[in-house]
Amino acid sequence: MGKYKDTPRYNVISMRVSDDERKELHNIASQYSLSISDMMRQAMDVYTRYHEPESVGRRLG
């Protein structure tokens, strides 16, 4: 039987990275015993805590 999750995640966001970037992501995630997905979730959380939403729009476009 499948594993029950309290907060299932149905949305997928993907991006392309170089071989070197992939290796670096893997190395960092391994260092902290995280999956790359969990590490990227943490990175996104840190980024959003320290960047105001209105300033992000001005810098991106």
N, C-alpha and C. Protein backbone atom coordinates (compact mmCIF):
# COMPACT_ATOMS: atom_id res chain seq x y z
N MET A 1 0.84 -1.17 0.00
CA MET A 1 0.00 0.00 0.00
C MET A 1 0.89 1.24 0.00
N GLY A 2 0.44 2.33 -0.63
CA GLY A 2 1.19 3.57 -0.72
C GLY A 2 1.29 4.29 0.61
N LYS A 3 2.24 5.15 0.69
CA LYS A 3 2.48 5.92 1.91
C LYS A 3 1.49 7.09 1.97
N TYR A 4 0.76 7.22 3.08
CA TYR A 4 -0.19 8.32 3.26
C TYR A 4 0.57 9.57 3.65
N LYS A 5 0.24 10.67 3.01
CA LYS A 5 0.88 11.94 3.31
C LYS A 5 -0.13 12.92 3.86
N ASP A 6 0.28 13.65 4.92
CA ASP A 6 -0.59 14.66 5.51
C ASP A 6 -0.78 15.85 4.57
N THR A 7 0.26 16.19 3.86
CA THR A 7 0.21 17.33 2.93
C THR A 7 0.71 16.87 1.56
N PRO A 8 -0.13 16.18 0.81
CA PRO A 8 0.31 15.70 -0.50
C PRO A 8 0.62 16.87 -1.43
N ARG A 9 1.60 16.68 -2.30
CA ARG A 9 1.99 17.72 -3.25
C ARG A 9 1.66 17.23 -4.66
N TYR A 10 0.77 17.96 -5.32
CA TYR A 10 0.32 17.55 -6.65
C TYR A 10 0.94 18.39 -7.76
N ASN A 11 1.52 19.52 -7.42
CA ASN A 11 2.05 20.43 -8.43
C ASN A 11 3.53 20.17 -8.66
N VAL A 12 3.92 20.21 -9.93
CA VAL A 12 5.32 19.98 -10.30
C VAL A 12 5.85 21.24 -10.98
N ILE A 13 7.00 21.68 -10.53
CA ILE A 13 7.71 22.78 -11.18
C ILE A 13 9.06 22.23 -11.59
N SER A 14 9.43 22.41 -12.84
CA SER A 14 10.70 21.88 -13.29
C SER A 14 11.55 22.99 -13.89
N MET A 15 12.84 22.75 -13.90
CA MET A 15 13.76 23.70 -14.51
C MET A 15 14.96 22.92 -15.04
N ARG A 16 15.62 23.50 -15.99
CA ARG A 16 16.79 22.86 -16.57
C ARG A 16 18.05 23.39 -15.89
N VAL A 17 18.97 22.48 -15.59
CA VAL A 17 20.24 22.86 -15.00
C VAL A 17 21.35 22.13 -15.75
N SER A 18 22.54 22.69 -15.69
CA SER A 18 23.68 22.05 -16.33
C SER A 18 24.13 20.84 -15.51
N ASP A 19 25.00 20.02 -16.07
CA ASP A 19 25.54 18.89 -15.34
C ASP A 19 26.26 19.35 -14.07
N ASP A 20 27.02 20.42 -14.18
CA ASP A 20 27.74 20.94 -13.02
C ASP A 20 26.79 21.45 -11.94
N GLU A 21 25.72 22.14 -12.35
CA GLU A 21 24.73 22.62 -11.39
C GLU A 21 24.04 21.44 -10.70
N ARG A 22 23.72 20.41 -11.46
CA ARG A 22 23.08 19.19 -10.90
C ARG A 22 23.99 18.54 -9.88
N LYS A 23 25.27 18.43 -10.19
CA LYS A 23 26.23 17.84 -9.25
C LYS A 23 26.32 18.66 -7.97
N GLU A 24 26.34 19.98 -8.11
CA GLU A 24 26.40 20.85 -6.94
C GLU A 24 25.15 20.72 -6.09
N LEU A 25 23.97 20.68 -6.72
CA LEU A 25 22.72 20.48 -5.98
C LEU A 25 22.75 19.15 -5.22
N HIS A 26 23.21 18.12 -5.90
CA HIS A 26 23.30 16.79 -5.28
C HIS A 26 24.27 16.80 -4.09
N ASN A 27 25.42 17.44 -4.26
CA ASN A 27 26.41 17.50 -3.19
C ASN A 27 25.88 18.23 -1.96
N ILE A 28 25.23 19.37 -2.19
CA ILE A 28 24.69 20.14 -1.07
C ILE A 28 23.58 19.36 -0.37
N ALA A 29 22.67 18.80 -1.15
CA ALA A 29 21.56 18.04 -0.56
C ALA A 29 22.09 16.85 0.24
N SER A 30 23.07 16.14 -0.30
CA SER A 30 23.65 14.99 0.40
C SER A 30 24.30 15.40 1.71
N GLN A 31 24.96 16.54 1.71
CA GLN A 31 25.63 17.04 2.90
C GLN A 31 24.65 17.20 4.07
N TYR A 32 23.40 17.56 3.76
CA TYR A 32 22.39 17.78 4.79
C TYR A 32 21.35 16.65 4.85
N SER A 33 21.62 15.55 4.17
CA SER A 33 20.71 14.39 4.14
C SER A 33 19.31 14.79 3.69
N LEU A 34 19.24 15.60 2.63
CA LEU A 34 17.98 16.05 2.07
C LEU A 34 17.86 15.57 0.64
N SER A 35 16.63 15.50 0.16
CA SER A 35 16.43 15.31 -1.27
C SER A 35 16.64 16.68 -1.92
N ILE A 36 16.89 16.69 -3.20
CA ILE A 36 17.04 17.97 -3.90
C ILE A 36 15.73 18.75 -3.82
N SER A 37 14.60 18.06 -3.91
CA SER A 37 13.30 18.74 -3.81
C SER A 37 13.14 19.42 -2.45
N ASP A 38 13.47 18.70 -1.37
CA ASP A 38 13.35 19.31 -0.04
C ASP A 38 14.32 20.48 0.13
N MET A 39 15.52 20.34 -0.41
CA MET A 39 16.48 21.44 -0.33
C MET A 39 15.97 22.66 -1.09
N MET A 40 15.39 22.45 -2.26
CA MET A 40 14.87 23.57 -3.05
C MET A 40 13.66 24.20 -2.37
N ARG A 41 12.84 23.41 -1.68
CA ARG A 41 11.74 23.98 -0.91
C ARG A 41 12.28 24.88 0.19
N GLN A 42 13.33 24.43 0.87
CA GLN A 42 13.94 25.26 1.92
C GLN A 42 14.54 26.53 1.32
N ALA A 43 15.20 26.40 0.17
CA ALA A 43 15.78 27.58 -0.48
C ALA A 43 14.69 28.57 -0.87
N MET A 44 13.57 28.07 -1.39
CA MET A 44 12.46 28.93 -1.76
C MET A 44 11.88 29.63 -0.53
N ASP A 45 11.79 28.90 0.58
CA ASP A 45 11.28 29.48 1.82
C ASP A 45 12.19 30.61 2.30
N VAL A 46 13.49 30.38 2.30
CA VAL A 46 14.45 31.41 2.73
C VAL A 46 14.35 32.62 1.80
N TYR A 47 14.30 32.39 0.50
CA TYR A 47 14.22 33.48 -0.46
C TYR A 47 12.97 34.33 -0.22
N THR A 48 11.84 33.67 -0.06
CA THR A 48 10.59 34.43 0.11
C THR A 48 10.52 35.15 1.45
N ARG A 49 11.21 34.67 2.46
CA ARG A 49 11.23 35.36 3.76
C ARG A 49 12.02 36.67 3.69
N TYR A 50 13.03 36.73 2.82
CA TYR A 50 13.92 37.89 2.79
C TYR A 50 13.73 38.80 1.59
N HIS A 51 12.74 38.53 0.77
CA HIS A 51 12.46 39.36 -0.40
C HIS A 51 10.99 39.73 -0.41
N GLU A 52 10.73 41.01 -0.41
CA GLU A 52 9.34 41.47 -0.45
C GLU A 52 8.75 41.20 -1.82
N PRO A 53 7.50 40.73 -1.89
CA PRO A 53 6.88 40.39 -3.18
C PRO A 53 6.90 41.53 -4.20
N GLU A 54 6.64 42.77 -3.78
CA GLU A 54 6.60 43.86 -4.75
C GLU A 54 7.97 44.16 -5.34
N SER A 55 9.04 43.92 -4.59
CA SER A 55 10.38 44.19 -5.12
C SER A 55 10.82 43.10 -6.09
N VAL A 56 10.32 41.89 -5.93
CA VAL A 56 10.68 40.80 -6.84
C VAL A 56 10.17 41.10 -8.24
N GLY A 57 8.93 41.57 -8.37
CA GLY A 57 8.35 41.89 -9.68
C GLY A 57 9.12 42.96 -10.41
N ARG A 58 9.59 43.96 -9.69
CA ARG A 58 10.35 45.04 -10.33
C ARG A 58 11.68 44.53 -10.87
N ARG A 59 12.33 43.62 -10.14
CA ARG A 59 13.64 43.13 -10.59
C ARG A 59 13.51 42.12 -11.73
N LEU A 60 12.43 41.36 -11.76
CA LEU A 60 12.28 40.32 -12.77
C LEU A 60 11.72 40.85 -14.09
N GLY A 61 11.02 41.92 -14.08
CA GLY A 61 10.47 42.30 -15.36
C GLY A 61 9.92 43.64 -15.34
